[in-house]
Amino acid sequence: MAKALHEIVAIKEGVEAELMRRPGVTAVDVGYKYVNGQRTDQLAIRVMVERKKKTVPEAERIAPQLDGVVTDVIERTYFLHQMQNRRKLDDISLLADTGNYDPVKGGISIGPCRAVGGYVYVGTLGAIVKDNASGNPLLLSNFHVMCIDNGWHQGDTMAQPGRVDGGNCPANVVGTLQRAALTSDVDCAVSSLSGRGYSCEIVDIGKVAGTNTATLGMAVRKRGRTTGLTYGVVDSISLSVNIDYGDGIGVRTLANQIDIRPDTAHNPAFGDHGDSGSAVVDGSIKVVGLHFAGSNDGHGIANPIAAVLSALNISMCVGTKSLAKDLKDHKEAAKDHKDAGKEHKDLIKDHKELGKDHKDLKDLLKDHKEAVKDVKEIKEHKPEKLEVEVPGKTLPDVPPGKGLVEGGPIQPPAGPIQSAAQAGLEKATAKEAVKELKEKDQIKEWKEKNEAKDHKDQKEHKIEIKELKIELKEHKLEVKELEKTPFDYLPGKGLVESGPFPAPAQPGSLDPAGIERRLAQLEAAFGQLATFITSELRPDLSAGALSNEPGQGKGPGCGC
C-alpha cells in the first residue's frame, strides 16, 4: 500500500542527517522519482549528489528503498544567487532591471552601500512588508543580499538600485538594515524605508493578495532583478540542502525548503545571480516563499514564507497604497476641496436666484394643477351632448344617433361644468382650434354624404313619378274601355260584365231603366278606381279628387 506524503516526509527526516554526511551529497528531499530523465508520478526520497559515479563504495551507496519508500539519486548542485561586481558577469548585468523606483515595490534591484573585500553586492527587493511592532513599511530581501557576511550591523545603508546597477550612496539610499536571520530554516533580512513612497505590489505581477503554503505541483512565479518574470512548478516541499556562504560563514544546511522546477515552456531557469530575495507567488498573487538559491540545472530554492515572517516579526503588505501616493492624493483632494468651496459659494448664489424663480414656478405649478383638475372633471363628465364655445367659432350640434348636423351658436352648459369647461378652454385654445378644424372637416364630409344621398333620393323619386304617370295613363285607357263595357254590380262580387247595353228603342228616346243601370255601373267603376289609385301611388291625388269632391284634391280649384 502506497504511503501518504506526510508519512514519506517523516521517514525522510529520520534518515536525512545520516544521508547528508555522505561524501558528494548536496541535498535530500521528497519529490517525484525520475526514470531515464523523465518524471514519474511515484513519490520518492530523493538524494542529490554532485556527480553520479559508476562505481560507488558499499558504505556510500543509496539503498533502493528506505523503510518501504523508494529512493532516487539525482545529479544536482546548489549555490547562492549572489552577484559580484566583476567584469566577467557583465553579460548577466545586461539583463538586469537597473531602474530607480519611486514608489519602491517588489522585484527591483537593491544592495548594501558597504563593500566587502573590494566587491559590492546586489540582489532583489522581494516585497514590501510591515513591522508587527510599529506598523512601518519595511523592505524584504535575503540575509546574504543585505548583510553579505557576519560583518553587518543594524543601520547599514541600502541603495536602490544597488551599487552594481549604478546606484550611489548616499544619493540612492532608501533605508537602513533593521533585522536579519540566517538559520536552519531561513535566509532573510529587512531594511527600513525613507525618502520614497512604496506600493504593496510586485513588478510584472501585481498587488500582493496575502500568503499561502506551497504544495507539490503548484504553479508559481517570481520577478527578479536579473531574469525578470519567470515561471516554475513546486517540485519539493521538504528539501534539506547544503549551501556554501563563503568566508566567515561557510557551509550551512537549511531544511524544509521549497524546490522549484523551471517551467521550460517559458524560461530555461527559474532564477540566476542577482535574483536572490525575490518573492515567489502562486496563481492568486499570494506569496509562498522567498527565493535565495538555485541549482546547476535551473531549479530554484525558496524559504517557506511563514518561516520568514516569523523569524523577522513582520507581516505581508497587502494591497496598500504607497505613502507618497497617499500624500499626493491628499494634496490633490485638498485642492479639489478648495475649488469645491468656491463652487459651493457660487452655487449658494445661484440657489438664492433660483429660489426667487422657484416662487414664480410655484404659482405656475398651482395654475397647472387647477387646469389638470378641470380637464379631469370634463373627461369624467360624459353627457349625451356637451356643447362648448370656442371664442369666435361655432361648432355643429351632435345629436345622439345622427352624427354631426349643422346648428346655431353653441351655448356652454350651466353650473360647475360650464366653469370647468371655460377654464379648460382658456388654457387649451390651441388644442381646441385644432379640434375645431377636425370637426369642420367632419361637417364638410357629412354634407357631401347627405347631398349625395339627396341626389340619389331625388333621382329615384323622379323615376317613381314617371312610373306613376305611365300607370295613370294605362288606367285612363282602362277607364275608357270600361265605359264601353256594360257591368253589373253584384253584392259580394263587385263589378261583373253584363254584356252590351240594349240600344234605345228609337233615336232620341230615353230608357229610364237603362240609364239608372248605367249610372250604377259607372258609380261602381269609379269607386273601384278610387280604391286602386291611392295616395301612395299618386301623392298629389286622393279618392276625393277622382270623385271631384270640393276641398279634397290639390289641383287647380281645390279648396285647400
Protein backbone atom coordinates (compact mmCIF):
# COMPACT_ATOMS: atom_id res chain seq x y z
CA MET A 1 0.00 0.00 0.00
CA ALA A 2 1.42 3.39 -1.01
CA LYS A 3 2.37 5.71 1.84
CA ALA A 4 0.92 9.22 2.23
CA LEU A 5 3.10 12.28 1.64
CA HIS A 6 3.38 13.21 5.31
CA GLU A 7 4.46 9.64 6.14
CA ILE A 8 7.21 9.77 3.48
CA VAL A 9 8.37 13.18 4.76
CA ALA A 10 8.60 11.78 8.31
CA ILE A 11 10.74 8.85 7.11
CA LYS A 12 12.97 11.24 5.15
CA GLU A 13 13.52 13.46 8.19
CA GLY A 14 14.58 10.41 10.18
CA VAL A 15 17.37 9.44 7.76
CA GLU A 16 18.43 12.75 6.18
CA ALA A 17 21.11 13.64 8.75
CA GLU A 18 22.96 10.43 8.02
CA LEU A 19 22.49 10.83 4.26
CA MET A 20 23.73 14.44 4.27
CA ARG A 21 27.04 13.33 5.85
CA ARG A 22 27.86 11.02 2.94
CA PRO A 23 30.52 12.27 0.51
CA GLY A 24 29.16 14.15 -2.52
CA VAL A 25 25.61 14.51 -1.20
CA THR A 26 24.25 18.08 -1.70
CA ALA A 27 20.59 17.71 -0.71
CA VAL A 28 17.80 15.34 0.33
CA ASP A 29 14.08 15.86 -0.26
CA VAL A 30 10.74 14.21 -1.06
CA GLY A 31 9.52 14.51 -4.63
CA TYR A 32 8.67 12.60 -7.79
CA LYS A 33 11.03 9.84 -8.97
CA TYR A 34 12.77 10.28 -12.35
CA VAL A 35 13.46 7.38 -14.74
CA ASN A 36 15.76 7.97 -17.74
CA GLY A 37 15.37 11.71 -17.24
CA GLN A 38 11.55 11.59 -17.25
CA ARG A 39 9.50 12.44 -14.19
CA THR A 40 7.03 9.81 -12.96
CA ASP A 41 4.05 10.10 -10.60
CA GLN A 42 5.73 7.97 -7.88
CA LEU A 43 6.77 9.80 -4.70
CA ALA A 44 10.28 9.01 -3.51
CA ILE A 45 13.02 10.02 -1.08
CA ARG A 46 15.44 11.76 -3.42
CA VAL A 47 19.18 12.16 -2.79
CA MET A 48 21.03 14.88 -4.78
CA VAL A 49 24.76 14.40 -5.41
CA GLU A 50 27.50 16.47 -7.03
CA ARG A 51 28.20 13.70 -9.55
CA LYS A 52 26.89 10.22 -10.21
CA LYS A 53 29.60 7.53 -10.26
CA LYS A 54 29.60 4.19 -12.00
CA THR A 55 31.23 2.53 -9.02
CA VAL A 56 30.26 3.61 -5.52
CA PRO A 57 31.68 2.10 -2.31
CA GLU A 58 29.19 -0.02 -0.39
CA ALA A 59 29.11 2.42 2.53
CA GLU A 60 28.19 5.34 0.25
CA ARG A 61 25.50 3.58 -1.81
CA ILE A 62 21.83 4.65 -1.53
CA ALA A 63 19.53 1.71 -0.93
CA PRO A 64 16.68 1.20 -3.45
CA GLN A 65 14.19 1.65 -0.58
CA LEU A 66 14.26 3.26 2.85
CA ASP A 67 11.65 1.97 5.31
CA GLY A 68 9.43 0.88 2.44
CA VAL A 69 9.77 4.13 0.43
CA VAL A 70 11.52 4.02 -2.96
CA THR A 71 14.59 6.22 -3.46
CA ASP A 72 16.06 8.20 -6.34
CA VAL A 73 19.53 9.65 -6.94
CA ILE A 74 19.76 12.93 -8.91
CA GLU A 75 22.89 14.80 -10.01
CA ARG A 76 22.41 18.40 -8.83
CA THR A 77 24.43 21.08 -7.04
CA TYR A 78 23.16 24.28 -5.39
CA PHE A 79 24.59 27.77 -4.84
CA LEU A 80 23.58 31.22 -3.67
CA HIS A 81 22.08 33.52 -6.30
CA GLN A 82 24.50 36.24 -5.37
CA MET A 83 26.15 38.58 -7.85
CA GLN A 84 29.56 40.18 -7.51
CA ASN A 85 30.58 43.24 -9.48
CA ARG A 86 33.00 41.55 -11.78
CA ARG A 87 33.56 42.17 -15.43
CA LYS A 88 33.03 38.51 -16.36
CA LEU A 89 29.42 38.95 -15.20
CA ASP A 90 28.79 41.99 -17.41
CA ASP A 91 26.67 39.91 -19.81
CA ILE A 92 24.33 38.97 -16.97
CA SER A 93 24.02 42.58 -15.81
CA LEU A 94 22.75 43.50 -19.26
CA LEU A 95 19.58 41.57 -18.41
CA ALA A 96 19.16 43.40 -15.12
CA ASP A 97 16.46 45.90 -14.12
CA THR A 98 18.57 48.87 -13.02
CA GLY A 99 15.68 51.31 -12.63
CA ASN A 100 15.27 53.82 -9.81
CA TYR A 101 11.77 53.27 -8.41
CA ASP A 102 9.56 55.69 -6.52
CA PRO A 103 7.40 54.31 -5.09
CA VAL A 104 9.50 51.25 -4.38
CA LYS A 105 7.92 47.82 -4.89
CA GLY A 106 8.82 44.14 -5.12
CA GLY A 107 11.00 42.68 -7.89
CA ILE A 108 13.58 45.52 -8.19
CA SER A 109 17.32 45.98 -7.59
CA ILE A 110 18.64 46.60 -4.05
CA GLY A 111 22.00 46.23 -2.29
CA PRO A 112 24.09 47.45 0.64
CA CYS A 113 26.29 50.51 0.34
CA ARG A 114 29.21 48.78 2.11
CA ALA A 115 31.74 46.76 0.15
CA VAL A 116 33.45 43.51 1.27
CA GLY A 117 36.96 42.70 0.08
CA GLY A 118 36.69 45.30 -2.70
CA TYR A 119 33.41 43.93 -4.04
CA VAL A 120 29.91 45.34 -3.90
CA TYR A 121 26.84 43.15 -3.97
CA VAL A 122 23.31 43.30 -5.34
CA GLY A 123 20.11 41.28 -5.15
CA THR A 124 16.35 41.72 -5.37
CA LEU A 125 13.93 43.57 -3.11
CA GLY A 126 11.29 40.81 -2.83
CA ALA A 127 8.28 42.66 -1.43
CA ILE A 128 7.07 45.35 0.95
CA VAL A 129 6.28 44.06 4.45
CA LYS A 130 5.07 45.67 7.69
CA ASP A 131 6.81 45.73 11.07
CA ASN A 132 4.48 43.96 13.50
CA ALA A 133 5.70 46.19 16.36
CA SER A 134 5.47 49.63 14.74
CA GLY A 135 3.37 49.02 11.61
CA ASN A 136 6.02 50.80 9.50
CA PRO A 137 6.77 49.56 5.97
CA LEU A 138 9.97 47.52 5.55
CA LEU A 139 11.92 46.21 2.53
CA LEU A 140 12.32 42.39 2.45
CA SER A 141 15.26 40.51 0.90
CA ASN A 142 17.85 37.84 1.83
CA PHE A 143 20.46 37.85 4.59
CA HIS A 144 23.23 37.28 2.06
CA VAL A 145 21.98 40.24 -0.05
CA MET A 146 21.67 42.91 2.66
CA CYS A 147 24.22 41.59 5.22
CA ILE A 148 26.69 39.81 2.88
CA ASP A 149 28.53 38.18 5.79
CA ASN A 150 28.83 38.30 9.56
CA GLY A 151 30.29 41.81 9.41
CA TRP A 152 26.86 43.50 9.10
CA HIS A 153 25.43 45.96 11.61
CA GLN A 154 21.98 47.33 12.23
CA GLY A 155 21.80 50.68 10.46
CA ASP A 156 23.86 49.67 7.39
CA THR A 157 22.52 51.74 4.48
CA MET A 158 20.73 50.22 1.48
CA ALA A 159 20.72 51.65 -2.05
CA GLN A 160 18.07 51.31 -4.75
CA PRO A 161 19.21 50.46 -7.33
CA GLY A 162 22.16 48.57 -5.85
CA ARG A 163 25.67 49.85 -6.49
CA VAL A 164 26.30 47.07 -9.04
CA ASP A 165 23.41 48.55 -11.07
CA GLY A 166 24.67 52.15 -10.89
CA GLY A 167 23.21 53.20 -7.55
CA ASN A 168 25.17 55.74 -5.48
CA CYS A 169 25.35 56.33 -1.77
CA PRO A 170 24.01 58.50 -0.27
CA ALA A 171 22.05 59.70 -3.39
CA ASN A 172 20.15 56.42 -3.83
CA VAL A 173 19.84 55.36 -0.19
CA VAL A 174 16.30 54.13 0.61
CA GLY A 175 16.71 52.84 4.16
CA THR A 176 18.86 51.09 6.75
CA LEU A 177 19.25 47.46 7.81
CA GLN A 178 16.95 46.58 10.71
CA ARG A 179 16.93 42.81 11.31
CA ALA A 180 18.34 39.67 9.69
CA ALA A 181 18.27 35.88 10.15
CA LEU A 182 20.39 33.02 8.79
CA THR A 183 19.17 29.79 10.42
CA SER A 184 18.43 26.19 9.52
CA ASP A 185 15.09 27.44 8.11
CA VAL A 186 15.59 30.92 6.61
CA ASP A 187 17.95 33.34 4.85
CA CYS A 188 16.24 36.75 5.22
CA ALA A 189 16.62 40.42 6.23
CA VAL A 190 14.62 43.68 6.27
CA SER A 191 15.52 47.35 5.82
CA SER A 192 13.63 50.46 6.81
CA LEU A 193 12.20 52.81 4.15
CA SER A 194 12.88 56.55 3.93
CA GLY A 195 12.70 59.27 1.30
CA ARG A 196 10.35 57.39 -1.06
CA GLY A 197 6.89 56.04 -1.22
CA TYR A 198 6.01 52.38 -1.50
CA SER A 199 3.48 50.11 -3.18
CA CYS A 200 2.43 46.66 -1.95
CA GLU A 201 2.86 45.12 -5.37
CA ILE A 202 5.44 43.23 -7.41
CA VAL A 203 6.60 44.47 -10.81
CA ASP A 204 5.06 42.48 -13.71
CA ILE A 205 2.87 40.53 -11.27
CA GLY A 206 0.58 42.93 -9.41
CA LYS A 207 -0.63 43.73 -5.90
CA VAL A 208 0.12 41.09 -3.28
CA ALA A 209 -3.05 39.35 -2.06
CA GLY A 210 -1.60 37.67 1.04
CA THR A 211 0.34 34.47 1.77
CA ASN A 212 -0.12 30.76 1.11
CA THR A 213 1.60 27.39 1.70
CA ALA A 214 3.41 25.74 -1.22
CA THR A 215 2.21 22.32 -2.33
CA LEU A 216 3.64 19.73 -4.71
CA GLY A 217 2.79 20.57 -8.33
CA MET A 218 1.76 24.18 -7.57
CA ALA A 219 2.43 26.64 -10.42
CA VAL A 220 4.43 29.64 -9.19
CA ARG A 221 6.12 32.84 -10.45
CA LYS A 222 8.78 35.26 -9.32
CA ARG A 223 10.11 38.62 -10.51
CA GLY A 224 13.87 39.05 -10.08
CA ARG A 225 16.24 41.92 -10.73
CA THR A 226 18.25 39.82 -13.25
CA THR A 227 15.93 37.44 -15.11
CA GLY A 228 12.69 39.35 -14.60
CA LEU A 229 9.43 37.40 -14.57
CA THR A 230 9.91 33.61 -14.60
CA TYR A 231 7.64 30.59 -14.14
CA GLY A 232 8.07 27.31 -12.30
CA VAL A 233 6.42 24.35 -10.55
CA VAL A 234 6.90 23.28 -6.93
CA ASP A 235 8.96 20.07 -7.18
CA SER A 236 9.59 19.50 -3.46
CA ILE A 237 8.35 20.91 -0.14
CA SER A 238 10.84 19.20 2.21
CA LEU A 239 14.25 20.00 0.72
CA SER A 240 17.26 19.86 3.06
CA VAL A 241 20.21 21.46 1.27
CA ASN A 242 23.87 22.31 1.92
CA ILE A 243 24.79 25.89 0.84
CA ASP A 244 28.26 27.42 0.97
CA TYR A 245 28.02 31.03 2.28
CA GLY A 246 31.70 31.73 1.80
CA ASP A 247 34.41 33.04 4.07
CA GLY A 248 33.33 33.75 7.63
CA ILE A 249 30.17 31.65 7.43
CA GLY A 250 30.95 28.50 5.47
CA VAL A 251 28.50 25.71 4.54
CA ARG A 252 25.06 25.89 6.08
CA THR A 253 22.29 23.30 5.93
CA LEU A 254 18.76 24.62 5.51
CA ALA A 255 15.86 22.18 5.97
CA ASN A 256 12.22 22.13 4.83
CA GLN A 257 12.92 24.35 1.84
CA ILE A 258 10.85 24.65 -1.36
CA ASP A 259 12.42 23.30 -4.57
CA ILE A 260 11.06 24.86 -7.78
CA ARG A 261 11.45 23.21 -11.16
CA PRO A 262 11.58 25.76 -14.05
CA ASP A 263 8.68 25.80 -16.48
CA THR A 264 10.78 25.38 -19.62
CA ALA A 265 7.86 26.44 -21.81
CA HIS A 266 8.58 29.96 -20.51
CA ASN A 267 12.18 30.00 -19.25
CA PRO A 268 15.19 27.59 -19.01
CA ALA A 269 15.92 28.54 -15.36
CA PHE A 270 13.76 29.78 -12.53
CA GLY A 271 16.42 32.25 -11.33
CA ASP A 272 20.02 33.40 -11.66
CA HIS A 273 22.68 35.51 -9.91
CA GLY A 274 21.11 38.72 -8.59
CA ASP A 275 17.61 37.20 -8.26
CA SER A 276 18.20 36.36 -4.58
CA GLY A 277 15.49 37.88 -2.40
CA SER A 278 12.64 37.52 -4.97
CA ALA A 279 9.17 36.75 -3.63
CA VAL A 280 7.68 33.52 -5.04
CA VAL A 281 3.89 33.76 -5.58
CA ASP A 282 1.09 31.41 -6.59
CA GLY A 283 -1.61 32.00 -9.21
CA SER A 284 -3.57 34.25 -6.82
CA ILE A 285 -0.54 36.51 -6.15
CA LYS A 286 -0.16 35.09 -2.65
CA VAL A 287 3.44 34.81 -1.50
CA VAL A 288 4.56 31.22 -0.76
CA GLY A 289 8.33 31.66 -0.43
CA LEU A 290 11.47 33.84 -0.53
CA HIS A 291 13.88 32.80 -3.27
CA PHE A 292 17.56 32.64 -2.20
CA ALA A 293 19.46 29.97 -4.21
CA GLY A 294 19.45 27.82 -7.31
CA SER A 295 20.99 24.79 -8.97
CA ASN A 296 23.14 23.99 -11.97
CA ASP A 297 20.09 22.65 -13.86
CA GLY A 298 17.87 25.73 -13.41
CA HIS A 299 15.98 24.79 -10.22
CA GLY A 300 15.33 27.45 -7.60
CA ILE A 301 15.17 27.23 -3.80
CA ALA A 302 12.94 29.32 -1.54
CA ASN A 303 12.34 29.67 2.20
CA PRO A 304 8.69 28.99 3.22
CA ILE A 305 7.19 32.47 3.67
CA ALA A 306 5.61 31.58 7.05
CA ALA A 307 9.09 30.85 8.49
CA VAL A 308 10.42 34.18 7.12
CA LEU A 309 7.59 36.28 8.61
CA SER A 310 8.02 34.55 11.98
CA ALA A 311 11.81 34.98 12.07
CA LEU A 312 11.65 38.72 11.36
CA ASN A 313 8.39 39.52 13.24
CA ILE A 314 6.78 41.03 10.17
CA SER A 315 3.60 40.61 8.09
CA MET A 316 2.99 40.85 4.36
CA CYS A 317 1.88 44.20 2.96
CA VAL A 318 -1.36 43.57 1.08
CA GLY A 319 -2.88 45.94 -1.46
CA THR A 320 -1.99 49.22 0.31
CA LYS A 321 -1.20 52.45 -1.49
CA SER A 322 2.26 53.94 -1.16
CA LEU A 323 2.77 56.77 1.31
CA ALA A 324 3.90 59.07 -1.50
CA LYS A 325 0.76 58.33 -3.46
CA ASP A 326 -1.35 58.82 -0.34
CA LEU A 327 0.28 62.22 0.22
CA LYS A 328 -0.15 63.18 -3.41
CA ASP A 329 -3.78 62.09 -3.35
CA HIS A 330 -4.28 64.06 -0.13
CA LYS A 331 -2.85 67.25 -1.68
CA GLU A 332 -4.99 66.81 -4.78
CA ALA A 333 -8.02 66.19 -2.59
CA ALA A 334 -7.27 69.38 -0.59
CA LYS A 335 -7.03 71.35 -3.82
CA ASP A 336 -10.26 69.86 -5.06
CA HIS A 337 -11.86 70.70 -1.71
CA LYS A 338 -10.77 74.33 -2.05
CA ASP A 339 -12.13 74.53 -5.57
CA ALA A 340 -15.30 72.84 -4.39
CA GLY A 341 -15.65 75.52 -1.67
CA LYS A 342 -15.53 78.24 -4.30
CA GLU A 343 -18.04 76.37 -6.42
CA HIS A 344 -20.20 75.94 -3.32
CA LYS A 345 -20.36 79.72 -2.82
CA ASP A 346 -21.35 80.19 -6.46
CA LEU A 347 -23.99 77.51 -6.03
CA ILE A 348 -25.39 79.30 -2.95
CA LYS A 349 -25.69 82.48 -5.01
CA ASP A 350 -27.37 80.60 -7.82
CA HIS A 351 -29.62 78.88 -5.29
CA LYS A 352 -30.88 82.22 -3.99
CA GLU A 353 -31.68 83.36 -7.50
CA LEU A 354 -33.34 80.06 -8.21
CA GLY A 355 -35.34 80.49 -5.01
CA LYS A 356 -36.82 83.67 -6.44
CA ASP A 357 -37.65 81.91 -9.67
CA HIS A 358 -39.00 78.98 -7.69
CA LYS A 359 -41.71 81.18 -6.20
CA ASP A 360 -42.92 82.11 -9.68
CA LEU A 361 -42.72 78.49 -10.76
CA LYS A 362 -44.72 77.51 -7.69
CA ASP A 363 -47.57 79.80 -8.81
CA LEU A 364 -47.40 78.36 -12.33
CA LEU A 365 -47.48 74.86 -10.90
CA LYS A 366 -50.60 75.76 -8.90
CA ASP A 367 -52.32 77.03 -12.07
CA HIS A 368 -51.25 73.90 -13.90
CA LYS A 369 -52.71 71.64 -11.21
CA GLU A 370 -56.03 73.53 -11.37
CA ALA A 371 -56.09 73.18 -15.15
CA VAL A 372 -55.40 69.47 -14.87
CA LYS A 373 -58.21 69.15 -12.35
CA ASP A 374 -60.63 70.98 -14.67
CA VAL A 375 -59.70 68.81 -17.63
CA LYS A 376 -60.16 65.69 -15.48
CA GLU A 377 -63.67 66.86 -14.50
CA ILE A 378 -64.54 67.43 -18.16
CA LYS A 379 -63.30 63.95 -19.09
CA GLU A 380 -65.20 62.31 -16.26
CA HIS A 381 -68.47 64.13 -17.22
CA LYS A 382 -69.99 62.26 -20.18
CA PRO A 383 -73.36 63.84 -21.17
CA GLU A 384 -75.05 62.78 -24.38
CA LYS A 385 -74.47 66.25 -25.76
CA LEU A 386 -71.78 68.61 -24.50
CA GLU A 387 -71.69 71.92 -26.26
CA VAL A 388 -68.69 74.20 -25.84
CA GLU A 389 -68.00 77.54 -27.36
CA VAL A 390 -64.65 78.48 -28.87
CA PRO A 391 -64.36 82.28 -28.98
CA GLY A 392 -65.35 83.49 -32.45
CA LYS A 393 -66.25 79.98 -33.67
CA THR A 394 -69.46 77.96 -33.91
CA LEU A 395 -69.30 74.19 -33.67
CA PRO A 396 -72.01 71.87 -35.02
CA ASP A 397 -74.57 70.14 -32.82
CA VAL A 398 -74.04 66.43 -32.28
CA PRO A 399 -77.47 64.87 -31.63
CA PRO A 400 -77.23 61.29 -30.38
CA GLY A 401 -77.51 58.70 -33.13
CA LYS A 402 -77.45 61.25 -36.02
CA GLY A 403 -73.81 62.29 -36.27
CA LEU A 404 -72.87 65.90 -36.97
CA VAL A 405 -75.61 68.30 -38.13
CA GLU A 406 -75.18 71.98 -38.60
CA GLY A 407 -76.56 74.01 -35.75
CA GLY A 408 -76.54 77.51 -34.46
CA PRO A 409 -74.24 79.16 -31.94
CA ILE A 410 -73.45 76.79 -29.08
CA GLN A 411 -74.03 77.87 -25.51
CA PRO A 412 -71.84 76.49 -22.75
CA PRO A 413 -73.61 74.32 -20.18
CA ALA A 414 -74.54 75.89 -16.91
CA GLY A 415 -73.20 75.03 -13.49
CA PRO A 416 -69.82 73.59 -12.48
CA ILE A 417 -69.27 72.01 -15.87
CA GLN A 418 -69.58 75.44 -17.52
CA SER A 419 -66.91 77.00 -15.33
CA ALA A 420 -64.68 73.97 -15.71
CA ALA A 421 -65.11 73.99 -19.46
CA GLN A 422 -64.37 77.70 -19.70
CA ALA A 423 -61.27 77.35 -17.52
CA GLY A 424 -60.06 74.39 -19.53
CA LEU A 425 -60.74 76.09 -22.86
CA GLU A 426 -58.91 79.23 -21.86
CA LYS A 427 -55.80 77.13 -21.14
CA ALA A 428 -56.11 74.97 -24.23
CA THR A 429 -57.10 77.38 -27.02
CA ALA A 430 -54.59 75.97 -29.43
CA LYS A 431 -55.75 72.41 -28.79
CA GLU A 432 -59.44 73.38 -29.30
CA ALA A 433 -58.57 75.22 -32.51
CA VAL A 434 -57.08 72.02 -33.90
CA LYS A 435 -60.14 70.10 -32.71
CA GLU A 436 -62.44 72.66 -34.40
CA LEU A 437 -60.63 72.20 -37.71
CA LYS A 438 -61.09 68.43 -37.44
CA GLU A 439 -64.81 68.90 -36.69
CA LYS A 440 -65.14 71.32 -39.63
CA ASP A 441 -63.73 68.62 -41.89
CA GLN A 442 -66.24 66.18 -40.41
CA ILE A 443 -69.13 68.59 -41.16
CA LYS A 444 -67.95 69.03 -44.73
CA GLU A 445 -67.70 65.27 -45.16
CA TRP A 446 -71.22 64.86 -43.67
CA LYS A 447 -72.69 67.50 -46.02
CA GLU A 448 -71.11 65.83 -49.02
CA LYS A 449 -72.54 62.46 -47.96
CA ASN A 450 -76.04 63.96 -47.39
CA GLU A 451 -76.00 65.87 -50.69
CA ALA A 452 -75.09 62.64 -52.48
CA LYS A 453 -77.93 60.86 -50.64
CA ASP A 454 -80.47 63.65 -51.53
CA HIS A 455 -79.38 63.48 -55.16
CA LYS A 456 -79.89 59.74 -55.17
CA ASP A 457 -83.30 60.03 -53.45
CA GLN A 458 -84.41 62.79 -55.90
CA LYS A 459 -83.40 60.65 -58.87
CA GLU A 460 -85.31 57.68 -57.51
CA HIS A 461 -88.35 59.93 -56.81
CA LYS A 462 -88.39 61.17 -60.41
CA ILE A 463 -88.34 57.57 -61.61
CA GLU A 464 -91.30 56.75 -59.33
CA ILE A 465 -93.28 59.77 -60.67
CA LYS A 466 -92.59 58.70 -64.23
CA GLU A 467 -93.75 55.17 -63.44
CA LEU A 468 -96.91 56.57 -61.79
CA LYS A 469 -97.67 58.68 -64.85
CA ILE A 470 -97.39 55.58 -67.03
CA GLU A 471 -99.70 53.66 -64.68
CA LEU A 472 -102.19 56.55 -64.70
CA LYS A 473 -102.17 56.69 -68.48
CA GLU A 474 -102.77 52.97 -68.64
CA HIS A 475 -105.54 53.36 -66.08
CA LYS A 476 -107.24 56.05 -68.15
CA LEU A 477 -107.22 53.69 -71.09
CA GLU A 478 -108.83 51.03 -68.95
CA VAL A 479 -111.49 53.50 -67.82
CA LYS A 480 -112.20 54.38 -71.39
CA GLU A 481 -112.62 50.72 -72.21
CA LEU A 482 -114.80 50.27 -69.19
CA GLU A 483 -117.13 52.97 -70.45
CA LYS A 484 -117.76 50.80 -73.50
CA THR A 485 -118.42 47.65 -71.48
CA PRO A 486 -121.68 47.05 -69.53
CA PHE A 487 -121.19 45.88 -65.90
CA ASP A 488 -123.49 44.62 -63.29
CA TYR A 489 -122.69 45.18 -59.63
CA LEU A 490 -123.44 42.14 -57.59
CA PRO A 491 -123.21 42.22 -53.80
CA GLY A 492 -120.10 40.35 -52.59
CA LYS A 493 -118.71 40.07 -56.15
CA GLY A 494 -118.23 43.70 -57.21
CA LEU A 495 -118.50 44.58 -60.91
CA VAL A 496 -119.24 41.81 -63.34
CA GLU A 497 -119.55 42.11 -67.09
CA SER A 498 -123.22 42.02 -68.12
CA GLY A 499 -122.92 42.27 -71.86
CA PRO A 500 -123.75 45.14 -74.27
CA PHE A 501 -126.26 47.71 -73.19
CA PRO A 502 -129.54 47.45 -75.13
CA ALA A 503 -129.94 50.18 -77.60
CA PRO A 504 -132.78 52.63 -77.04
CA ALA A 505 -136.00 51.90 -78.83
CA GLN A 506 -135.50 54.80 -81.11
CA PRO A 507 -133.12 57.64 -81.50
CA GLY A 508 -133.65 60.41 -79.01
CA SER A 509 -135.78 58.29 -76.76
CA LEU A 510 -134.77 57.57 -73.18
CA ASP A 511 -134.92 54.31 -71.31
CA PRO A 512 -135.11 55.14 -67.61
CA ALA A 513 -134.20 51.65 -66.53
CA GLY A 514 -131.17 51.55 -68.78
CA ILE A 515 -129.96 54.94 -67.60
CA GLU A 516 -130.18 54.01 -63.92
CA ARG A 517 -128.38 50.76 -64.51
CA ARG A 518 -125.71 52.57 -66.46
CA LEU A 519 -125.20 55.13 -63.70
CA ALA A 520 -124.92 52.35 -61.11
CA GLN A 521 -122.28 50.65 -63.23
CA LEU A 522 -120.26 53.83 -63.64
CA GLU A 523 -120.51 54.65 -59.96
CA ALA A 524 -119.20 51.21 -59.04
CA ALA A 525 -116.41 51.52 -61.60
CA PHE A 526 -115.29 54.87 -60.22
CA GLY A 527 -115.35 53.51 -56.69
CA GLN A 528 -113.11 50.65 -57.73
CA LEU A 529 -110.80 53.10 -59.50
CA ALA A 530 -110.61 55.28 -56.39
CA THR A 531 -109.60 52.28 -54.38
CA PHE A 532 -106.87 51.37 -56.86
CA ILE A 533 -105.29 54.84 -57.17
CA THR A 534 -104.14 55.57 -53.58
CA SER A 535 -102.04 58.39 -52.16
CA GLU A 536 -99.04 56.12 -52.18
CA LEU A 537 -99.15 55.85 -55.98
CA ARG A 538 -100.03 59.46 -56.56
CA PRO A 539 -99.29 61.82 -53.66
CA ASP A 540 -100.94 64.81 -55.40
CA LEU A 541 -104.28 62.95 -55.79
CA SER A 542 -106.82 61.36 -53.50
CA ALA A 543 -110.09 59.50 -53.78
CA GLY A 544 -111.86 62.79 -53.44
CA ALA A 545 -110.06 64.25 -56.43
CA LEU A 546 -111.35 61.46 -58.66
CA SER A 547 -114.91 62.00 -57.47
CA ASN A 548 -114.49 65.77 -57.99
CA GLU A 549 -115.35 66.49 -54.35
CA PRO A 550 -114.59 70.07 -53.31
CA GLY A 551 -111.59 70.59 -50.98
CA GLN A 552 -110.18 67.05 -51.39
CA GLY A 553 -107.78 67.39 -54.29
CA LYS A 554 -104.63 69.50 -54.60
CA GLY A 555 -105.14 70.51 -58.21
CA PRO A 556 -106.40 73.85 -59.52
CA GLY A 557 -109.65 74.96 -57.99
CA CYS A 558 -109.20 72.98 -54.78
CA GLY A 559 -110.47 74.46 -51.60
CA CYS A 560 -107.28 73.87 -49.64
